[in-house]
């Protein structure tokens, strides 16, 4: 009988991965505090407690660090979507939870940091060249929402009289944090209260059904 050997991660590989995670975390903190262009590899190395040369052994430059941050946070966000969806029993409940999760993610420090860096033309090109793209994230979201809308129609939770593509467009049109910033200024609205109102508008409309 032939013995099957399962590949295992060596101690050296594990240590390398852990060091890279520490570098990425420190880089994210420095980028958030000083911005991409003012951040230095020296300061990132100092925060980790290693030499600048050790960082270069893992990441050739700041561009690669940004790509690594983008990839890690995108994977975390996508994993969070799966957790949120699986925790709810019905298509509508899953959509409501997903709306909450996406909106909360849009206001996170990490997302704002990545957004500010990604919007730079050079950084956008660099992230795409190094294997990352916002389109991958949105394609996944579109796939999830489309599936849930269709499932909701099948079980009668969601009306079938409106095309799914129109519902899909309406769903993603709710996410405009820059516009909502103006609304929140001077108003006693928390992000949680705002998303609760947006959820009500999307699923129930604004008409007074009691009238």
N, C-alpha and C. Protein backbone atom coordinates (compact mmCIF):
# COMPACT_ATOMS: atom_id res chain seq x y z
N UNK A 1 0.84 -1.19 0.00
CA UNK A 1 0.00 0.00 0.00
C UNK A 1 0.88 1.25 0.00
N UNK A 2 0.58 2.15 -0.91
CA UNK A 2 1.40 3.35 -1.04
C UNK A 2 1.02 4.38 0.01
N UNK A 3 2.02 4.93 0.64
CA UNK A 3 1.79 5.95 1.66
C UNK A 3 1.66 7.32 1.01
N UNK A 4 0.60 8.06 1.37
CA UNK A 4 0.39 9.39 0.82
C UNK A 4 0.91 10.42 1.82
N UNK A 5 1.83 11.22 1.34
CA UNK A 5 2.43 12.24 2.20
C UNK A 5 1.69 13.56 2.02
N UNK A 6 1.17 14.12 3.09
CA UNK A 6 0.47 15.40 3.04
C UNK A 6 1.47 16.52 3.22
N UNK A 7 1.51 17.47 2.29
CA UNK A 7 2.46 18.59 2.39
C UNK A 7 2.24 19.36 3.69
N UNK A 8 3.30 19.68 4.38
CA UNK A 8 3.20 20.45 5.62
C UNK A 8 4.03 21.72 5.48
N UNK A 9 3.62 22.73 6.20
CA UNK A 9 4.34 24.00 6.18
C UNK A 9 5.53 23.90 7.13
N UNK A 10 6.70 24.18 6.61
CA UNK A 10 7.90 24.10 7.43
C UNK A 10 7.93 25.25 8.41
N UNK A 11 8.73 25.10 9.47
CA UNK A 11 8.86 26.15 10.47
C UNK A 11 9.38 27.44 9.83
N UNK A 12 10.31 27.28 8.89
CA UNK A 12 10.88 28.46 8.22
C UNK A 12 9.81 29.20 7.42
N UNK A 13 8.97 28.44 6.72
CA UNK A 13 7.90 29.06 5.93
C UNK A 13 6.88 29.74 6.83
N UNK A 14 6.57 29.09 7.97
CA UNK A 14 5.62 29.67 8.91
C UNK A 14 6.16 30.98 9.48
N UNK A 15 7.44 30.99 9.83
CA UNK A 15 8.05 32.21 10.37
C UNK A 15 8.07 33.32 9.33
N UNK A 16 8.31 32.95 8.08
CA UNK A 16 8.33 33.94 7.00
C UNK A 16 6.94 34.55 6.81
N UNK A 17 5.93 33.71 6.87
CA UNK A 17 4.56 34.19 6.70
C UNK A 17 4.18 35.12 7.86
N UNK A 18 4.53 34.73 9.08
CA UNK A 18 4.21 35.56 10.24
C UNK A 18 4.94 36.91 10.16
N UNK A 19 6.18 36.90 9.68
CA UNK A 19 6.93 38.15 9.54
C UNK A 19 6.28 39.05 8.49
N UNK A 20 5.83 38.46 7.40
CA UNK A 20 5.17 39.24 6.36
C UNK A 20 3.89 39.87 6.88
N UNK A 21 3.14 39.13 7.71
CA UNK A 21 1.91 39.68 8.28
C UNK A 21 2.22 40.88 9.18
N UNK A 22 3.29 40.79 9.95
CA UNK A 22 3.69 41.90 10.82
C UNK A 22 4.09 43.11 9.99
N UNK A 23 4.79 42.87 8.90
CA UNK A 23 5.22 43.95 8.02
C UNK A 23 4.01 44.63 7.38
N UNK A 24 3.06 43.83 6.90
CA UNK A 24 1.86 44.37 6.26
C UNK A 24 1.05 45.20 7.25
N UNK A 25 0.93 44.69 8.48
CA UNK A 25 0.18 45.42 9.51
C UNK A 25 0.84 46.75 9.83
N UNK A 26 2.16 46.74 9.98
CA UNK A 26 2.89 47.98 10.28
C UNK A 26 2.79 48.95 9.11
N UNK A 27 2.89 48.45 7.90
CA UNK A 27 2.80 49.30 6.71
C UNK A 27 1.44 49.97 6.64
N UNK A 28 0.39 49.22 6.94
CA UNK A 28 -0.96 49.78 6.90
C UNK A 28 -1.10 50.92 7.91
N UNK A 29 -0.51 50.75 9.09
CA UNK A 29 -0.57 51.79 10.12
C UNK A 29 0.18 53.04 9.67
N UNK A 30 1.36 52.86 9.08
CA UNK A 30 2.16 54.00 8.64
C UNK A 30 1.49 54.72 7.48
N UNK A 31 0.93 53.95 6.52
CA UNK A 31 0.23 54.55 5.39
C UNK A 31 -0.96 55.36 5.87
N UNK A 32 -1.67 54.83 6.88
CA UNK A 32 -2.86 55.52 7.40
C UNK A 32 -2.47 56.82 8.07
N UNK A 33 -1.35 56.82 8.78
CA UNK A 33 -0.92 58.00 9.52
C UNK A 33 -0.28 59.06 8.62
N UNK A 34 0.51 58.63 7.64
CA UNK A 34 1.32 59.57 6.88
C UNK A 34 0.99 59.64 5.39
N UNK A 35 0.15 58.70 4.93
CA UNK A 35 -0.12 58.68 3.50
C UNK A 35 0.94 57.88 2.78
N UNK A 36 0.62 57.47 1.57
CA UNK A 36 1.51 56.60 0.82
C UNK A 36 2.85 57.25 0.53
N UNK A 37 2.83 58.48 0.04
CA UNK A 37 4.06 59.10 -0.45
C UNK A 37 5.01 59.53 0.67
N UNK A 38 4.47 59.85 1.84
CA UNK A 38 5.33 60.26 2.96
C UNK A 38 5.76 59.09 3.84
N UNK A 39 5.18 57.94 3.63
CA UNK A 39 5.57 56.76 4.41
C UNK A 39 6.93 56.26 3.94
N UNK A 40 7.73 55.77 4.86
CA UNK A 40 9.07 55.27 4.51
C UNK A 40 9.23 53.82 4.93
N UNK A 41 10.05 53.12 4.18
CA UNK A 41 10.34 51.73 4.51
C UNK A 41 11.09 51.64 5.83
N UNK A 42 11.88 52.68 6.13
CA UNK A 42 12.64 52.70 7.38
C UNK A 42 11.71 52.70 8.59
N UNK A 43 10.66 53.53 8.53
CA UNK A 43 9.74 53.59 9.67
C UNK A 43 8.95 52.30 9.81
N UNK A 44 8.56 51.72 8.69
CA UNK A 44 7.83 50.45 8.73
C UNK A 44 8.70 49.38 9.37
N UNK A 45 9.97 49.35 8.98
CA UNK A 45 10.91 48.37 9.54
C UNK A 45 11.09 48.58 11.04
N UNK A 46 11.17 49.84 11.45
CA UNK A 46 11.36 50.16 12.87
C UNK A 46 10.18 49.68 13.71
N UNK A 47 8.98 49.80 13.18
CA UNK A 47 7.79 49.39 13.93
C UNK A 47 7.73 47.87 14.10
N UNK A 48 8.26 47.17 13.12
CA UNK A 48 8.28 45.71 13.22
C UNK A 48 9.44 45.24 14.08
N UNK A 49 10.50 46.07 14.14
CA UNK A 49 11.69 45.70 14.89
C UNK A 49 12.67 44.89 14.07
N UNK A 50 12.70 45.17 12.77
CA UNK A 50 13.62 44.48 11.87
C UNK A 50 14.36 45.51 11.03
N UNK A 51 15.32 45.07 10.26
CA UNK A 51 16.08 45.98 9.41
C UNK A 51 15.32 46.27 8.12
N UNK A 52 15.67 47.37 7.48
CA UNK A 52 15.04 47.71 6.21
C UNK A 52 15.34 46.64 5.16
N UNK A 53 16.53 46.06 5.25
CA UNK A 53 16.90 45.02 4.30
C UNK A 53 16.01 43.79 4.41
N UNK A 54 15.56 43.49 5.64
CA UNK A 54 14.67 42.34 5.83
C UNK A 54 13.33 42.58 5.15
N UNK A 55 12.85 43.82 5.22
CA UNK A 55 11.59 44.14 4.53
C UNK A 55 11.75 43.93 3.03
N UNK A 56 12.85 44.41 2.48
CA UNK A 56 13.07 44.28 1.04
C UNK A 56 13.19 42.82 0.61
N UNK A 57 13.55 41.96 1.55
CA UNK A 57 13.62 40.53 1.23
C UNK A 57 12.22 39.95 1.04
N UNK A 58 11.23 40.61 1.61
CA UNK A 58 9.84 40.18 1.48
C UNK A 58 9.08 41.00 0.44
N UNK A 59 9.31 42.31 0.45
CA UNK A 59 8.59 43.22 -0.44
C UNK A 59 9.60 44.18 -1.09
N UNK A 60 9.73 44.15 -2.40
CA UNK A 60 10.70 44.99 -3.10
C UNK A 60 10.49 46.50 -2.91
N UNK A 61 9.25 46.91 -2.58
CA UNK A 61 9.00 48.33 -2.41
C UNK A 61 7.63 48.60 -1.84
N UNK A 62 7.28 49.89 -1.73
CA UNK A 62 5.99 50.27 -1.16
C UNK A 62 4.83 49.81 -2.04
N UNK A 63 5.05 49.76 -3.34
CA UNK A 63 3.99 49.32 -4.23
C UNK A 63 3.54 47.89 -3.89
N UNK A 64 4.52 47.02 -3.67
CA UNK A 64 4.20 45.63 -3.34
C UNK A 64 3.50 45.54 -1.99
N UNK A 65 3.86 46.43 -1.07
CA UNK A 65 3.19 46.45 0.24
C UNK A 65 1.72 46.86 0.10
N UNK A 66 1.46 47.86 -0.72
CA UNK A 66 0.07 48.28 -0.95
C UNK A 66 -0.73 47.14 -1.57
N UNK A 67 -0.14 46.47 -2.55
CA UNK A 67 -0.82 45.34 -3.19
C UNK A 67 -1.11 44.24 -2.18
N UNK A 68 -0.18 43.99 -1.26
CA UNK A 68 -0.37 42.96 -0.24
C UNK A 68 -1.49 43.35 0.73
N UNK A 69 -1.52 44.63 1.12
CA UNK A 69 -2.59 45.12 2.00
C UNK A 69 -3.94 44.98 1.32
N UNK A 70 -3.99 45.37 0.07
CA UNK A 70 -5.23 45.30 -0.71
C UNK A 70 -5.71 43.86 -0.81
N UNK A 71 -4.81 42.95 -1.12
CA UNK A 71 -5.18 41.55 -1.27
C UNK A 71 -5.67 40.96 0.05
N UNK A 72 -4.97 41.24 1.14
CA UNK A 72 -5.35 40.69 2.44
C UNK A 72 -6.72 41.21 2.88
N UNK A 73 -6.93 42.51 2.76
CA UNK A 73 -8.20 43.08 3.21
C UNK A 73 -9.37 42.66 2.33
N UNK A 74 -9.10 42.47 1.04
CA UNK A 74 -10.15 42.00 0.14
C UNK A 74 -10.57 40.58 0.51
N UNK A 75 -9.60 39.73 0.78
CA UNK A 75 -9.90 38.35 1.18
C UNK A 75 -10.68 38.32 2.48
N UNK A 76 -10.29 39.17 3.44
CA UNK A 76 -11.00 39.24 4.72
C UNK A 76 -12.44 39.68 4.52
N UNK A 77 -12.63 40.68 3.65
CA UNK A 77 -13.97 41.20 3.37
C UNK A 77 -14.84 40.13 2.72
N UNK A 78 -14.29 39.40 1.75
CA UNK A 78 -15.04 38.36 1.07
C UNK A 78 -15.41 37.21 2.01
N UNK A 79 -14.50 36.87 2.90
CA UNK A 79 -14.78 35.83 3.89
C UNK A 79 -15.89 36.28 4.84
N UNK A 80 -15.87 37.57 5.17
CA UNK A 80 -16.91 38.12 6.04
C UNK A 80 -18.28 38.05 5.39
N UNK A 81 -18.33 38.26 4.08
CA UNK A 81 -19.59 38.17 3.35
C UNK A 81 -20.18 36.77 3.49
N UNK A 82 -19.35 35.77 3.30
CA UNK A 82 -19.83 34.38 3.42
C UNK A 82 -20.37 34.10 4.82
N UNK A 83 -19.69 34.60 5.84
CA UNK A 83 -20.13 34.38 7.22
C UNK A 83 -21.48 35.04 7.47
N UNK A 84 -21.62 36.29 7.00
CA UNK A 84 -22.86 37.04 7.20
C UNK A 84 -24.04 36.34 6.51
N UNK A 85 -23.83 35.90 5.28
CA UNK A 85 -24.91 35.27 4.52
C UNK A 85 -25.33 33.94 5.14
N UNK A 86 -24.36 33.14 5.55
CA UNK A 86 -24.66 31.82 6.10
C UNK A 86 -25.39 31.90 7.44
N UNK A 87 -25.24 33.04 8.14
CA UNK A 87 -25.84 33.16 9.47
C UNK A 87 -27.33 33.47 9.44
N UNK A 88 -27.86 33.85 8.25
CA UNK A 88 -29.26 34.24 8.17
C UNK A 88 -30.09 33.16 7.47
N UNK A 89 -31.37 33.01 7.85
CA UNK A 89 -32.19 31.90 7.34
C UNK A 89 -32.87 32.11 6.00
N UNK A 90 -33.16 33.36 5.62
CA UNK A 90 -33.94 33.60 4.41
C UNK A 90 -33.21 34.55 3.46
N UNK A 91 -33.59 34.55 2.17
CA UNK A 91 -32.94 35.46 1.21
C UNK A 91 -33.02 36.92 1.63
N UNK A 92 -34.20 37.37 2.08
CA UNK A 92 -34.32 38.77 2.49
C UNK A 92 -33.45 39.08 3.70
N UNK A 93 -33.45 38.19 4.67
CA UNK A 93 -32.62 38.41 5.86
C UNK A 93 -31.14 38.45 5.48
N UNK A 94 -30.76 37.62 4.53
CA UNK A 94 -29.37 37.61 4.07
C UNK A 94 -29.02 38.92 3.37
N UNK A 95 -29.95 39.43 2.55
CA UNK A 95 -29.72 40.70 1.86
C UNK A 95 -29.62 41.86 2.84
N UNK A 96 -30.48 41.87 3.86
CA UNK A 96 -30.44 42.93 4.86
C UNK A 96 -29.10 42.90 5.62
N UNK A 97 -28.67 41.70 5.98
CA UNK A 97 -27.40 41.57 6.70
C UNK A 97 -26.24 41.97 5.80
N UNK A 98 -26.33 41.63 4.52
CA UNK A 98 -25.27 41.97 3.58
C UNK A 98 -25.19 43.47 3.38
N UNK A 99 -26.34 44.14 3.30
CA UNK A 99 -26.36 45.60 3.17
C UNK A 99 -25.66 46.24 4.37
N UNK A 100 -25.98 45.76 5.56
CA UNK A 100 -25.35 46.27 6.78
C UNK A 100 -23.85 46.04 6.76
N UNK A 101 -23.45 44.85 6.35
CA UNK A 101 -22.03 44.49 6.35
C UNK A 101 -21.24 45.33 5.35
N UNK A 102 -21.79 45.50 4.16
CA UNK A 102 -21.10 46.28 3.13
C UNK A 102 -20.96 47.73 3.57
N UNK A 103 -22.05 48.29 4.08
CA UNK A 103 -22.01 49.70 4.48
C UNK A 103 -21.02 49.93 5.61
N UNK A 104 -21.01 49.01 6.58
CA UNK A 104 -20.04 49.12 7.67
C UNK A 104 -18.62 49.04 7.15
N UNK A 105 -18.41 48.14 6.17
CA UNK A 105 -17.08 48.01 5.58
C UNK A 105 -16.64 49.25 4.85
N UNK A 106 -17.58 49.95 4.21
CA UNK A 106 -17.23 51.16 3.47
C UNK A 106 -16.76 52.27 4.40
N UNK A 107 -17.17 52.22 5.67
CA UNK A 107 -16.79 53.25 6.61
C UNK A 107 -15.59 52.85 7.49
N UNK A 108 -15.05 51.67 7.26
CA UNK A 108 -13.92 51.24 8.08
C UNK A 108 -12.66 52.03 7.72
N UNK A 109 -11.75 52.16 8.68
CA UNK A 109 -10.50 52.88 8.44
C UNK A 109 -9.70 52.23 7.32
N UNK A 110 -9.68 50.90 7.33
CA UNK A 110 -8.90 50.19 6.33
C UNK A 110 -9.43 50.46 4.92
N UNK A 111 -10.76 50.47 4.78
CA UNK A 111 -11.34 50.69 3.46
C UNK A 111 -11.10 52.11 2.99
N UNK A 112 -11.22 53.07 3.88
CA UNK A 112 -10.97 54.46 3.50
C UNK A 112 -9.51 54.65 3.11
N UNK A 113 -8.61 53.99 3.81
CA UNK A 113 -7.20 54.07 3.48
C UNK A 113 -6.94 53.50 2.09
N UNK A 114 -7.45 52.30 1.84
CA UNK A 114 -7.25 51.67 0.54
C UNK A 114 -7.90 52.47 -0.57
N UNK A 115 -9.06 53.05 -0.29
CA UNK A 115 -9.77 53.83 -1.29
C UNK A 115 -8.97 55.06 -1.67
N UNK A 116 -8.41 55.74 -0.67
CA UNK A 116 -7.63 56.95 -0.95
C UNK A 116 -6.38 56.62 -1.76
N UNK A 117 -5.76 55.47 -1.49
CA UNK A 117 -4.57 55.08 -2.24
C UNK A 117 -4.95 54.56 -3.62
N UNK A 118 -6.03 53.80 -3.68
CA UNK A 118 -6.45 53.17 -4.93
C UNK A 118 -6.87 54.21 -5.96
N UNK A 119 -7.40 55.35 -5.48
CA UNK A 119 -7.88 56.37 -6.39
C UNK A 119 -6.76 57.12 -7.09
N UNK A 120 -5.53 56.94 -6.62
CA UNK A 120 -4.40 57.51 -7.34
C UNK A 120 -4.16 56.71 -8.62
N UNK A 121 -4.00 57.40 -9.74
CA UNK A 121 -3.87 56.72 -11.04
C UNK A 121 -2.73 55.72 -11.03
N UNK A 122 -1.57 56.12 -10.52
CA UNK A 122 -0.42 55.22 -10.52
C UNK A 122 -0.64 54.01 -9.64
N UNK A 123 -1.24 54.22 -8.47
CA UNK A 123 -1.48 53.11 -7.56
C UNK A 123 -2.55 52.18 -8.10
N UNK A 124 -3.55 52.73 -8.77
CA UNK A 124 -4.59 51.89 -9.37
C UNK A 124 -3.97 50.97 -10.42
N UNK A 125 -3.11 51.54 -11.25
CA UNK A 125 -2.44 50.75 -12.28
C UNK A 125 -1.55 49.69 -11.63
N UNK A 126 -0.83 50.10 -10.57
CA UNK A 126 0.10 49.19 -9.91
C UNK A 126 -0.63 48.00 -9.29
N UNK A 127 -1.75 48.26 -8.61
CA UNK A 127 -2.48 47.18 -7.95
C UNK A 127 -2.98 46.18 -8.99
N UNK A 128 -3.47 46.69 -10.12
CA UNK A 128 -3.95 45.81 -11.18
C UNK A 128 -2.81 44.98 -11.74
N UNK A 129 -1.66 45.61 -11.97
CA UNK A 129 -0.51 44.91 -12.53
C UNK A 129 0.00 43.83 -11.59
N UNK A 130 -0.15 44.04 -10.30
CA UNK A 130 0.39 43.09 -9.32
C UNK A 130 -0.66 42.11 -8.83
N UNK A 131 -1.75 42.00 -9.58
CA UNK A 131 -2.68 40.91 -9.31
C UNK A 131 -3.88 41.24 -8.46
N UNK A 132 -4.23 42.49 -8.33
CA UNK A 132 -5.41 42.85 -7.56
C UNK A 132 -6.31 43.78 -8.34
N UNK A 133 -7.60 43.74 -8.06
CA UNK A 133 -8.52 44.61 -8.78
C UNK A 133 -9.81 44.75 -7.99
N UNK A 134 -10.32 45.98 -7.92
CA UNK A 134 -11.60 46.21 -7.27
C UNK A 134 -12.72 45.49 -8.01
N UNK A 135 -12.53 45.29 -9.32
CA UNK A 135 -13.58 44.64 -10.11
C UNK A 135 -13.84 43.22 -9.62
N UNK A 136 -12.80 42.55 -9.13
CA UNK A 136 -12.98 41.19 -8.60
C UNK A 136 -13.92 41.21 -7.40
N UNK A 137 -13.74 42.21 -6.54
CA UNK A 137 -14.58 42.33 -5.35
C UNK A 137 -16.03 42.61 -5.73
N UNK A 138 -16.23 43.56 -6.64
CA UNK A 138 -17.58 43.92 -7.02
C UNK A 138 -18.27 42.80 -7.79
N UNK A 139 -17.53 42.07 -8.59
CA UNK A 139 -18.12 40.93 -9.31
C UNK A 139 -18.65 39.90 -8.32
N UNK A 140 -17.91 39.68 -7.24
CA UNK A 140 -18.35 38.73 -6.21
C UNK A 140 -19.61 39.24 -5.53
N UNK A 141 -19.64 40.53 -5.20
CA UNK A 141 -20.81 41.11 -4.56
C UNK A 141 -22.03 41.04 -5.47
N UNK A 142 -21.85 41.38 -6.74
CA UNK A 142 -22.95 41.34 -7.70
C UNK A 142 -23.50 39.93 -7.81
N UNK A 143 -22.62 38.93 -7.83
CA UNK A 143 -23.03 37.54 -7.92
C UNK A 143 -23.88 37.14 -6.71
N UNK A 144 -23.41 37.52 -5.51
CA UNK A 144 -24.14 37.18 -4.28
C UNK A 144 -25.51 37.84 -4.25
N UNK A 145 -25.57 39.14 -4.54
CA UNK A 145 -26.83 39.87 -4.46
C UNK A 145 -27.82 39.36 -5.51
N UNK A 146 -27.33 39.12 -6.72
CA UNK A 146 -28.19 38.60 -7.79
C UNK A 146 -28.81 37.27 -7.38
N UNK A 147 -27.99 36.39 -6.84
CA UNK A 147 -28.47 35.08 -6.42
C UNK A 147 -29.53 35.20 -5.33
N UNK A 148 -29.29 36.08 -4.35
CA UNK A 148 -30.24 36.24 -3.25
C UNK A 148 -31.55 36.87 -3.72
N UNK A 149 -31.46 37.81 -4.65
CA UNK A 149 -32.68 38.41 -5.19
C UNK A 149 -33.51 37.36 -5.92
N UNK A 150 -32.85 36.54 -6.72
CA UNK A 150 -33.55 35.49 -7.46
C UNK A 150 -34.17 34.47 -6.51
N UNK A 151 -33.43 34.10 -5.47
CA UNK A 151 -33.97 33.16 -4.48
C UNK A 151 -35.16 33.77 -3.74
N UNK A 152 -35.08 35.06 -3.47
CA UNK A 152 -36.18 35.73 -2.79
C UNK A 152 -37.44 35.75 -3.64
N UNK A 153 -37.27 35.88 -4.95
CA UNK A 153 -38.42 35.84 -5.86
C UNK A 153 -39.05 34.45 -5.87
N UNK A 154 -38.21 33.43 -5.86
CA UNK A 154 -38.71 32.06 -5.91
C UNK A 154 -39.57 31.72 -4.69
N UNK A 155 -39.13 32.17 -3.51
CA UNK A 155 -39.87 31.83 -2.29
C UNK A 155 -40.96 32.85 -1.97
N UNK A 156 -41.10 33.89 -2.80
CA UNK A 156 -42.17 34.87 -2.61
C UNK A 156 -41.86 36.00 -1.65
N UNK A 157 -40.61 36.11 -1.20
CA UNK A 157 -40.24 37.21 -0.30
C UNK A 157 -40.05 38.52 -1.05
N UNK A 158 -39.70 38.43 -2.32
CA UNK A 158 -39.41 39.60 -3.14
C UNK A 158 -40.28 39.56 -4.39
N UNK A 159 -40.84 40.69 -4.76
CA UNK A 159 -41.73 40.74 -5.91
C UNK A 159 -41.02 40.36 -7.20
N UNK A 160 -41.73 39.65 -8.04
CA UNK A 160 -41.16 39.24 -9.33
C UNK A 160 -41.52 40.21 -10.44
N UNK A 161 -42.25 41.28 -10.10
CA UNK A 161 -42.70 42.24 -11.12
C UNK A 161 -41.62 43.25 -11.49
N UNK A 162 -40.55 43.31 -10.71
CA UNK A 162 -39.44 44.23 -11.00
C UNK A 162 -38.24 43.41 -11.46
N UNK A 163 -37.62 43.77 -12.60
CA UNK A 163 -36.47 43.02 -13.09
C UNK A 163 -35.34 42.97 -12.05
N UNK A 164 -34.68 41.84 -11.97
CA UNK A 164 -33.60 41.66 -11.00
C UNK A 164 -32.49 42.68 -11.22
N UNK A 165 -32.19 43.01 -12.47
CA UNK A 165 -31.12 43.96 -12.75
C UNK A 165 -31.44 45.34 -12.18
N UNK A 166 -32.73 45.72 -12.21
CA UNK A 166 -33.12 47.01 -11.64
C UNK A 166 -32.96 46.97 -10.12
N UNK A 167 -33.36 45.87 -9.51
CA UNK A 167 -33.18 45.71 -8.06
C UNK A 167 -31.70 45.74 -7.69
N UNK A 168 -30.90 45.11 -8.53
CA UNK A 168 -29.46 45.06 -8.29
C UNK A 168 -28.86 46.47 -8.33
N UNK A 169 -29.24 47.23 -9.35
CA UNK A 169 -28.76 48.61 -9.48
C UNK A 169 -29.18 49.44 -8.27
N UNK A 170 -30.43 49.28 -7.86
CA UNK A 170 -30.95 50.03 -6.73
C UNK A 170 -30.20 49.68 -5.44
N UNK A 171 -29.88 48.40 -5.29
CA UNK A 171 -29.18 47.94 -4.09
C UNK A 171 -27.82 48.64 -3.96
N UNK A 172 -27.05 48.65 -5.05
CA UNK A 172 -25.70 49.22 -4.98
C UNK A 172 -25.72 50.75 -5.01
N UNK A 173 -26.83 51.34 -5.45
CA UNK A 173 -26.92 52.81 -5.45
C UNK A 173 -27.05 53.35 -4.02
N UNK A 174 -27.32 52.46 -3.06
CA UNK A 174 -27.43 52.87 -1.66
C UNK A 174 -26.07 53.20 -1.06
N UNK A 175 -25.00 52.77 -1.70
CA UNK A 175 -23.68 52.92 -1.09
C UNK A 175 -22.95 54.14 -1.66
N UNK A 176 -23.20 55.29 -1.05
CA UNK A 176 -22.54 56.53 -1.45
C UNK A 176 -22.10 57.28 -0.21
N UNK A 177 -21.10 56.75 0.49
CA UNK A 177 -20.67 57.36 1.76
C UNK A 177 -20.34 58.84 1.67
N UNK A 178 -19.74 59.28 0.55
CA UNK A 178 -19.37 60.69 0.44
C UNK A 178 -20.61 61.57 0.48
N UNK A 179 -21.68 61.13 -0.16
CA UNK A 179 -22.92 61.89 -0.14
C UNK A 179 -23.54 61.88 1.25
N UNK A 180 -23.47 60.74 1.92
CA UNK A 180 -24.07 60.63 3.24
C UNK A 180 -23.29 61.40 4.29
N UNK A 181 -22.00 61.65 4.04
CA UNK A 181 -21.21 62.43 4.97
C UNK A 181 -21.85 63.80 5.20
N UNK A 182 -22.34 64.41 4.13
CA UNK A 182 -22.98 65.72 4.26
C UNK A 182 -24.25 65.62 5.11
N UNK A 183 -24.98 64.53 4.93
CA UNK A 183 -26.20 64.32 5.69
C UNK A 183 -25.90 64.16 7.17
N UNK A 184 -24.80 63.45 7.46
CA UNK A 184 -24.46 63.17 8.85
C UNK A 184 -23.92 64.40 9.57
N UNK A 185 -23.32 65.34 8.82
CA UNK A 185 -22.77 66.53 9.44
C UNK A 185 -23.91 67.39 9.99
N UNK A 186 -23.84 67.67 11.28
CA UNK A 186 -24.86 68.51 11.89
C UNK A 186 -26.15 67.78 12.21
N UNK A 187 -26.23 66.49 11.90
CA UNK A 187 -27.43 65.71 12.18
C UNK A 187 -27.11 64.66 13.24
N UNK A 188 -28.09 64.34 14.03
CA UNK A 188 -27.89 63.37 15.09
C UNK A 188 -28.17 61.95 14.58
N UNK A 189 -27.42 61.55 13.53
CA UNK A 189 -27.56 60.23 12.94
C UNK A 189 -26.25 59.47 13.09
N UNK A 190 -26.35 58.28 13.62
CA UNK A 190 -25.18 57.41 13.62
C UNK A 190 -25.18 56.63 12.32
N UNK A 191 -24.06 56.00 11.99
CA UNK A 191 -24.00 55.17 10.78
C UNK A 191 -25.00 54.02 10.87
N UNK A 192 -25.18 53.49 12.07
CA UNK A 192 -26.11 52.38 12.26
C UNK A 192 -27.55 52.82 11.99
N UNK A 193 -27.90 54.01 12.47
CA UNK A 193 -29.25 54.52 12.24
C UNK A 193 -29.48 54.80 10.76
N UNK A 194 -28.46 55.35 10.11
CA UNK A 194 -28.59 55.67 8.69
C UNK A 194 -28.80 54.42 7.86
N UNK A 195 -28.01 53.38 8.11
CA UNK A 195 -28.15 52.16 7.32
C UNK A 195 -29.48 51.48 7.62
N UNK A 196 -30.01 51.65 8.83
CA UNK A 196 -31.33 51.09 9.15
C UNK A 196 -32.41 51.77 8.31
N UNK A 197 -32.29 53.10 8.13
CA UNK A 197 -33.25 53.82 7.29
C UNK A 197 -33.11 53.41 5.82
N UNK A 198 -31.86 53.25 5.37
CA UNK A 198 -31.63 52.84 3.98
C UNK A 198 -32.21 51.44 3.73
N UNK A 199 -32.04 50.57 4.70
CA UNK A 199 -32.58 49.21 4.58
C UNK A 199 -34.11 49.26 4.49
N UNK A 200 -34.72 50.12 5.29
CA UNK A 200 -36.18 50.24 5.27
C UNK A 200 -36.65 50.78 3.92
N UNK A 201 -35.93 51.77 3.38
CA UNK A 201 -36.32 52.34 2.09
C UNK A 201 -36.21 51.29 0.99
N UNK A 202 -35.13 50.51 1.01
CA UNK A 202 -34.92 49.52 -0.05
C UNK A 202 -35.98 48.42 -0.01
N UNK A 203 -36.27 47.93 1.17
CA UNK A 203 -37.17 46.78 1.27
C UNK A 203 -38.65 47.15 1.41
N UNK A 204 -38.93 48.35 1.92
CA UNK A 204 -40.33 48.73 2.15
C UNK A 204 -40.79 49.95 1.37
N UNK A 205 -39.85 50.69 0.78
CA UNK A 205 -40.23 51.91 0.07
C UNK A 205 -40.49 53.06 1.03
N UNK A 206 -40.92 54.20 0.46
CA UNK A 206 -41.16 55.38 1.29
C UNK A 206 -42.64 55.73 1.38
N UNK A 207 -43.48 54.96 0.68
CA UNK A 207 -44.92 55.24 0.72
C UNK A 207 -45.49 54.87 2.08
N UNK A 208 -46.49 55.63 2.51
CA UNK A 208 -47.16 55.35 3.78
C UNK A 208 -48.24 54.30 3.51
N UNK A 209 -47.95 53.06 3.83
CA UNK A 209 -48.85 51.96 3.52
C UNK A 209 -50.07 51.94 4.43
N UNK A 210 -50.01 52.74 5.50
CA UNK A 210 -51.15 52.79 6.42
C UNK A 210 -52.20 53.80 5.96
N UNK A 211 -51.80 54.67 5.01
CA UNK A 211 -52.72 55.71 4.53
C UNK A 211 -53.82 55.09 3.67
